[in-house]
N, C-alpha and C. Protein backbone atom coordinates (compact mmCIF):
# COMPACT_ATOMS: atom_id res chain seq x y z
N MET A 1 -225.35 -20.95 -92.85
CA MET A 1 -224.37 -22.16 -93.24
C MET A 1 -224.77 -23.11 -94.03
N ALA A 2 -226.18 -23.56 -93.87
CA ALA A 2 -226.29 -24.67 -94.85
C ALA A 2 -226.75 -24.22 -96.35
N SER A 3 -227.23 -23.20 -96.44
CA SER A 3 -227.42 -22.36 -97.52
C SER A 3 -225.84 -22.23 -98.60
N ARG A 4 -224.90 -21.59 -97.82
CA ARG A 4 -223.57 -21.68 -98.09
C ARG A 4 -223.04 -22.84 -98.43
N LEU A 5 -223.22 -24.00 -97.82
CA LEU A 5 -222.58 -25.44 -98.53
C LEU A 5 -223.56 -25.71 -99.51
N LYS A 6 -224.79 -25.48 -99.51
CA LYS A 6 -225.71 -26.08 -100.70
C LYS A 6 -225.36 -25.03 -101.84
N ARG A 7 -225.06 -23.79 -101.94
CA ARG A 7 -224.46 -23.16 -103.32
C ARG A 7 -223.17 -23.63 -103.52
N TYR A 8 -222.18 -23.98 -102.65
CA TYR A 8 -220.94 -24.26 -102.90
C TYR A 8 -221.16 -25.69 -103.88
N LEU A 9 -222.15 -26.67 -102.98
CA LEU A 9 -222.11 -27.66 -103.93
C LEU A 9 -223.27 -27.78 -104.86
N SER A 10 -223.59 -26.72 -105.60
CA SER A 10 -224.75 -26.97 -106.55
C SER A 10 -224.13 -27.37 -108.03
N PHE A 11 -224.51 -28.33 -108.83
CA PHE A 11 -224.14 -28.75 -110.00
C PHE A 11 -223.38 -27.44 -110.75
N PRO A 12 -224.24 -26.56 -111.20
CA PRO A 12 -223.68 -25.53 -112.01
C PRO A 12 -222.56 -25.09 -111.79
N GLY A 13 -222.36 -24.77 -110.41
CA GLY A 13 -221.27 -24.21 -109.95
C GLY A 13 -220.12 -24.79 -109.85
N LEU A 14 -220.12 -26.15 -109.18
CA LEU A 14 -218.79 -27.01 -109.43
C LEU A 14 -218.74 -27.39 -110.86
N ALA A 15 -219.50 -27.32 -111.89
CA ALA A 15 -219.26 -27.70 -113.08
C ALA A 15 -218.31 -26.47 -113.90
N HIS A 16 -218.87 -25.59 -113.46
CA HIS A 16 -218.09 -24.34 -113.92
C HIS A 16 -216.72 -24.43 -113.26
N ALA A 17 -216.46 -24.14 -111.98
CA ALA A 17 -215.52 -24.42 -111.63
C ALA A 17 -214.59 -25.75 -111.77
N ALA A 18 -214.81 -27.00 -112.14
CA ALA A 18 -214.08 -27.66 -112.93
C ALA A 18 -213.52 -27.36 -114.33
N TYR A 19 -214.78 -26.93 -115.05
CA TYR A 19 -214.39 -26.60 -116.34
C TYR A 19 -213.00 -25.50 -116.60
N ALA A 20 -213.31 -24.56 -115.67
CA ALA A 20 -212.33 -23.65 -115.54
C ALA A 20 -210.85 -24.18 -115.10
N ASN A 21 -210.72 -24.88 -114.35
CA ASN A 21 -209.76 -25.73 -114.15
C ASN A 21 -209.13 -26.46 -115.02
N ILE A 22 -209.84 -27.06 -115.87
CA ILE A 22 -209.64 -27.84 -116.77
C ILE A 22 -208.86 -26.93 -118.19
N ARG A 23 -209.57 -25.61 -118.15
CA ARG A 23 -209.06 -24.87 -119.22
C ARG A 23 -207.83 -24.27 -118.85
N LEU A 24 -207.49 -23.91 -117.60
CA LEU A 24 -206.44 -23.66 -116.90
C LEU A 24 -205.35 -24.53 -117.21
N ALA A 25 -205.38 -25.87 -116.81
CA ALA A 25 -204.49 -26.84 -117.03
C ALA A 25 -204.20 -27.01 -118.40
N ALA A 26 -204.92 -27.01 -119.32
CA ALA A 26 -204.54 -27.09 -120.72
C ALA A 26 -203.50 -25.77 -121.11
N ARG A 27 -203.81 -25.00 -120.67
CA ARG A 27 -202.88 -23.85 -120.99
C ARG A 27 -201.84 -23.83 -120.58
N LEU A 28 -201.98 -23.97 -119.01
CA LEU A 28 -200.28 -24.53 -118.53
C LEU A 28 -199.41 -25.85 -118.99
N LEU A 29 -200.61 -26.83 -119.65
CA LEU A 29 -199.33 -27.75 -120.05
C LEU A 29 -198.59 -27.14 -121.33
N ARG A 30 -199.02 -26.19 -122.06
CA ARG A 30 -198.49 -25.75 -123.25
C ARG A 30 -197.41 -25.15 -122.74
N GLU A 31 -197.61 -24.35 -121.65
CA GLU A 31 -196.73 -23.20 -121.23
C GLU A 31 -195.17 -23.58 -120.93
N PRO A 32 -194.21 -23.26 -121.83
CA PRO A 32 -192.78 -23.34 -121.59
C PRO A 32 -192.22 -23.29 -120.39
N ARG A 33 -192.76 -22.33 -119.46
CA ARG A 33 -192.34 -22.12 -118.01
C ARG A 33 -192.53 -23.05 -116.81
N VAL A 34 -193.44 -23.95 -117.19
CA VAL A 34 -193.86 -24.60 -116.41
C VAL A 34 -192.79 -26.19 -116.56
N PRO A 35 -192.45 -26.71 -115.56
CA PRO A 35 -191.44 -27.87 -115.71
C PRO A 35 -191.91 -29.25 -116.48
N THR A 36 -191.50 -29.86 -117.25
CA THR A 36 -191.77 -30.98 -117.72
C THR A 36 -192.35 -31.82 -116.83
N LEU A 37 -191.50 -32.40 -116.16
CA LEU A 37 -191.78 -33.22 -114.94
C LEU A 37 -193.13 -33.29 -114.68
N LEU A 38 -193.75 -32.02 -114.15
CA LEU A 38 -194.74 -31.67 -113.29
C LEU A 38 -196.14 -31.74 -114.38
N LYS A 39 -195.57 -31.66 -115.48
CA LYS A 39 -196.78 -31.99 -116.90
C LYS A 39 -197.14 -33.48 -116.70
N ALA A 40 -196.35 -33.91 -116.14
CA ALA A 40 -196.73 -35.60 -116.18
C ALA A 40 -197.87 -35.82 -115.44
N LEU A 41 -198.32 -34.90 -114.18
CA LEU A 41 -199.11 -35.01 -113.02
C LEU A 41 -200.73 -35.32 -113.85
N PRO A 42 -201.38 -34.26 -114.67
CA PRO A 42 -202.68 -34.49 -115.08
C PRO A 42 -202.62 -35.09 -116.12
N ILE A 43 -201.49 -35.53 -116.96
CA ILE A 43 -201.36 -36.41 -117.86
C ILE A 43 -201.66 -38.25 -117.15
N LEU A 44 -201.07 -38.23 -116.43
CA LEU A 44 -201.20 -39.66 -115.42
C LEU A 44 -202.46 -39.60 -115.01
N GLY A 45 -203.11 -38.42 -114.30
CA GLY A 45 -204.46 -38.44 -113.90
C GLY A 45 -205.28 -39.12 -115.11
N PHE A 46 -205.24 -38.60 -116.32
CA PHE A 46 -206.12 -38.75 -117.27
C PHE A 46 -205.85 -40.32 -117.67
N ALA A 47 -204.70 -40.61 -117.75
CA ALA A 47 -204.20 -42.14 -118.23
C ALA A 47 -204.99 -42.86 -116.93
N TYR A 48 -205.02 -42.63 -115.73
CA TYR A 48 -205.75 -43.43 -114.94
C TYR A 48 -207.12 -43.90 -115.18
N VAL A 49 -207.99 -42.71 -115.61
CA VAL A 49 -209.23 -42.46 -116.13
C VAL A 49 -209.58 -43.51 -117.02
N LEU A 50 -208.54 -43.45 -118.07
CA LEU A 50 -208.72 -44.71 -119.25
C LEU A 50 -208.51 -45.79 -118.79
N SER A 51 -207.45 -46.19 -117.86
CA SER A 51 -206.98 -47.62 -117.47
C SER A 51 -208.01 -48.52 -117.04
N PRO A 52 -208.19 -49.69 -117.10
CA PRO A 52 -209.07 -50.67 -116.87
C PRO A 52 -208.48 -51.08 -115.19
N LEU A 53 -207.70 -50.67 -114.86
CA LEU A 53 -207.32 -50.69 -113.50
C LEU A 53 -207.87 -49.64 -112.55
N ASP A 54 -208.69 -49.85 -111.41
CA ASP A 54 -209.24 -48.84 -110.53
C ASP A 54 -209.34 -48.97 -109.29
N LEU A 55 -209.24 -47.92 -108.46
CA LEU A 55 -209.47 -48.44 -106.92
C LEU A 55 -210.98 -49.00 -106.70
N LEU A 56 -211.93 -48.64 -107.34
CA LEU A 56 -213.24 -48.63 -107.10
C LEU A 56 -213.86 -49.24 -108.42
N PRO A 57 -213.98 -50.25 -108.81
CA PRO A 57 -214.73 -50.72 -110.22
C PRO A 57 -215.67 -49.97 -110.53
N ASP A 58 -215.72 -49.81 -111.85
CA ASP A 58 -216.62 -48.94 -112.70
C ASP A 58 -217.87 -49.76 -112.81
N VAL A 59 -218.06 -51.19 -112.27
CA VAL A 59 -219.23 -52.08 -112.34
C VAL A 59 -219.89 -51.16 -111.30
N LEU A 60 -219.74 -50.67 -110.21
CA LEU A 60 -220.58 -50.24 -108.95
C LEU A 60 -221.15 -48.93 -109.80
N PRO A 61 -222.38 -48.76 -109.93
CA PRO A 61 -223.22 -48.15 -110.56
C PRO A 61 -222.66 -46.31 -110.63
N VAL A 62 -222.38 -45.86 -109.47
CA VAL A 62 -222.10 -44.20 -109.35
C VAL A 62 -220.68 -44.24 -108.79
N ILE A 63 -220.55 -44.90 -107.64
CA ILE A 63 -219.26 -44.64 -106.98
C ILE A 63 -218.09 -45.05 -108.01
N GLY A 64 -218.31 -45.81 -108.97
CA GLY A 64 -216.90 -46.29 -109.83
C GLY A 64 -216.72 -45.24 -110.74
N GLN A 65 -217.52 -44.28 -111.14
CA GLN A 65 -217.42 -43.37 -111.82
C GLN A 65 -216.80 -42.28 -111.19
N ILE A 66 -217.32 -41.88 -110.02
CA ILE A 66 -217.01 -40.85 -108.83
C ILE A 66 -215.60 -40.62 -108.62
N ASP A 67 -214.84 -41.79 -108.33
CA ASP A 67 -213.35 -41.84 -108.28
C ASP A 67 -212.77 -41.61 -109.11
N ASP A 68 -213.12 -41.94 -110.47
CA ASP A 68 -212.44 -41.58 -111.55
C ASP A 68 -212.14 -40.14 -111.83
N LEU A 69 -213.39 -39.38 -111.72
CA LEU A 69 -213.58 -37.95 -111.60
C LEU A 69 -213.02 -37.31 -110.80
N GLY A 70 -212.96 -37.90 -109.48
CA GLY A 70 -212.18 -37.43 -108.32
C GLY A 70 -210.80 -37.22 -108.41
N LEU A 71 -210.16 -38.10 -108.89
CA LEU A 71 -208.91 -38.59 -108.95
C LEU A 71 -208.37 -37.59 -109.88
N MET A 72 -209.09 -37.50 -111.11
CA MET A 72 -208.80 -36.65 -112.30
C MET A 72 -208.64 -35.27 -111.98
N LEU A 73 -209.59 -34.42 -111.16
CA LEU A 73 -209.38 -33.45 -110.45
C LEU A 73 -208.65 -33.02 -109.66
N LEU A 74 -208.40 -34.16 -108.85
CA LEU A 74 -207.24 -33.75 -107.78
C LEU A 74 -206.18 -33.90 -108.46
N ALA A 75 -205.75 -34.25 -109.75
CA ALA A 75 -204.31 -34.27 -110.18
C ALA A 75 -204.35 -32.79 -111.02
N ILE A 76 -205.42 -32.50 -111.39
CA ILE A 76 -205.39 -31.08 -112.16
C ILE A 76 -205.18 -30.37 -111.00
N GLU A 77 -205.84 -30.05 -109.75
CA GLU A 77 -205.92 -29.35 -108.81
C GLU A 77 -204.23 -29.16 -108.08
N ALA A 78 -203.80 -30.31 -108.03
CA ALA A 78 -202.30 -30.55 -107.87
C ALA A 78 -201.36 -29.91 -109.08
N PHE A 79 -201.34 -30.18 -109.90
CA PHE A 79 -200.80 -29.44 -110.98
C PHE A 79 -200.65 -28.03 -111.08
N LYS A 80 -202.32 -27.41 -110.94
CA LYS A 80 -202.26 -26.16 -110.58
C LYS A 80 -201.57 -25.40 -109.68
N ARG A 81 -201.56 -26.24 -108.60
CA ARG A 81 -200.95 -25.71 -107.25
C ARG A 81 -199.57 -25.69 -107.11
N LEU A 82 -198.99 -26.53 -107.63
CA LEU A 82 -197.44 -26.92 -107.77
C LEU A 82 -196.89 -26.08 -108.94
N SER A 83 -197.59 -25.62 -109.65
CA SER A 83 -197.35 -24.78 -110.85
C SER A 83 -196.68 -23.59 -110.35
N PRO A 84 -195.59 -22.76 -111.36
CA PRO A 84 -195.23 -21.76 -110.70
C PRO A 84 -196.46 -20.38 -110.41
N THR A 85 -196.43 -19.55 -109.61
CA THR A 85 -197.73 -19.02 -109.15
C THR A 85 -197.95 -17.67 -110.11
N ASP A 86 -196.64 -17.33 -110.65
CA ASP A 86 -197.12 -16.23 -111.69
C ASP A 86 -197.36 -16.51 -112.68
N VAL A 87 -196.66 -17.83 -113.44
CA VAL A 87 -197.54 -18.24 -114.53
C VAL A 87 -198.83 -18.45 -114.26
N VAL A 88 -199.28 -19.29 -113.29
CA VAL A 88 -200.94 -19.40 -113.10
C VAL A 88 -201.58 -18.43 -113.17
N ALA A 89 -200.95 -17.23 -112.29
CA ALA A 89 -201.79 -15.94 -112.12
C ALA A 89 -201.80 -15.38 -113.75
N TYR A 90 -200.79 -15.33 -114.65
CA TYR A 90 -200.97 -14.83 -115.97
C TYR A 90 -202.23 -15.27 -116.61
N HIS A 91 -202.02 -16.97 -116.62
CA HIS A 91 -203.14 -17.60 -117.51
C HIS A 91 -204.27 -17.30 -117.20
N ALA A 92 -204.58 -17.54 -115.93
CA ALA A 92 -205.97 -16.98 -115.27
C ALA A 92 -206.38 -16.04 -115.65
N ALA A 93 -205.70 -14.80 -115.55
CA ALA A 93 -205.99 -13.64 -115.85
C ALA A 93 -206.40 -13.39 -117.46
N ALA A 94 -205.34 -14.22 -118.26
CA ALA A 94 -205.71 -14.05 -119.93
C ALA A 94 -207.20 -15.00 -119.99
N ILE A 95 -207.58 -16.10 -119.14
CA ILE A 95 -208.89 -16.53 -119.59
C ILE A 95 -209.79 -15.57 -119.05
N ALA A 96 -209.62 -15.02 -117.84
CA ALA A 96 -210.58 -14.00 -117.37
C ALA A 96 -211.31 -12.61 -118.57
N SER A 97 -209.89 -12.70 -118.91
CA SER A 97 -210.12 -11.29 -119.99
C SER A 97 -210.31 -12.09 -121.58
N GLY A 98 -210.29 -13.39 -121.68
CA GLY A 98 -210.97 -13.85 -122.84
C GLY A 98 -209.65 -13.79 -124.04
N ARG A 99 -208.42 -13.97 -123.62
CA ARG A 99 -207.42 -13.64 -124.69
C ARG A 99 -206.85 -15.22 -125.04
N ARG A 100 -206.85 -15.50 -126.25
CA ARG A 100 -206.10 -16.76 -126.91
C ARG A 100 -204.85 -17.09 -126.14
N TYR A 101 -204.65 -18.10 -125.91
CA TYR A 101 -203.29 -18.68 -125.54
C TYR A 101 -202.06 -18.14 -126.05
N GLU A 102 -201.36 -17.73 -125.50
CA GLU A 102 -199.91 -17.12 -125.78
C GLU A 102 -198.83 -17.30 -124.67
N PRO A 103 -197.79 -17.96 -124.81
CA PRO A 103 -196.84 -18.15 -123.77
C PRO A 103 -196.63 -16.96 -123.23
N MET A 104 -196.40 -16.88 -121.73
CA MET A 104 -196.04 -16.07 -120.95
C MET A 104 -194.61 -15.38 -121.44
N SER A 105 -194.53 -14.08 -121.84
CA SER A 105 -193.40 -13.55 -122.56
C SER A 105 -191.99 -13.63 -121.63
N SER A 106 -190.82 -14.12 -121.94
CA SER A 106 -189.76 -14.16 -121.67
C SER A 106 -188.78 -13.06 -121.54
N THR A 107 -189.55 -11.96 -122.16
CA THR A 107 -188.79 -10.72 -122.00
C THR A 107 -189.16 -9.85 -120.94
N ALA A 108 -189.84 -10.43 -119.63
CA ALA A 108 -190.42 -9.69 -118.90
C ALA A 108 -189.27 -9.41 -117.91
N PRO A 109 -189.45 -8.19 -117.41
CA PRO A 109 -188.34 -7.94 -116.28
C PRO A 109 -188.16 -8.92 -115.66
N PRO A 110 -187.06 -9.22 -115.01
CA PRO A 110 -186.66 -10.21 -113.94
C PRO A 110 -187.22 -9.93 -112.70
N ASP A 111 -186.89 -11.07 -111.83
CA ASP A 111 -187.41 -10.20 -110.31
C ASP A 111 -186.63 -9.68 -109.65
N PHE A 112 -185.12 -9.45 -110.04
CA PHE A 112 -184.04 -8.72 -109.46
C PHE A 112 -183.50 -7.77 -110.54
N ILE A 113 -182.80 -7.17 -109.38
CA ILE A 113 -181.98 -5.60 -110.26
C ILE A 113 -180.78 -6.31 -110.59
N ASP A 114 -180.00 -6.27 -111.64
CA ASP A 114 -178.68 -6.42 -111.79
C ASP A 114 -177.80 -5.24 -111.69
N ALA A 115 -176.83 -5.40 -110.67
CA ALA A 115 -176.30 -4.03 -110.76
C ALA A 115 -174.85 -4.36 -110.07
N GLU A 116 -173.77 -3.28 -110.53
CA GLU A 116 -172.79 -3.54 -110.07
C GLU A 116 -172.42 -2.42 -109.28
N TRP A 117 -171.47 -2.54 -108.09
CA TRP A 117 -171.08 -1.78 -107.28
C TRP A 117 -169.58 -1.25 -107.43
N ARG A 118 -169.34 -0.24 -107.56
CA ARG A 118 -167.96 0.51 -107.52
C ARG A 118 -167.78 1.57 -106.88
N ARG A 119 -166.57 1.74 -106.53
CA ARG A 119 -166.12 2.74 -105.56
C ARG A 119 -165.39 3.62 -106.47
N ASP A 120 -165.93 5.25 -106.16
CA ASP A 120 -164.77 6.22 -107.37
C ASP A 120 -163.98 6.90 -106.49
């Protein structure tokens, strides 16, 4: 149990996960299928980091910067979870396969079958 916790909290793994989430959020911000109001969430998180107002002042050596980083990562994670799951899955797969950004195709088949019932 302790080794798994240590591996989870290891800096390279944590930094890699944060970088992957930031890349995914950047792609989702450009995606037209993600609601515009939802796109404000990571932008507000970034604005908080740049803002001089803080929950914990940056004068405190380590804690002041950690709250900024934590709030930014929390905003990105919330944005990712609230975005449409099919769009998130599409862009996560695109990042994993190394494809460049391309909006999700709007010509994809819909999730329903449009049919008409008639009696002969």
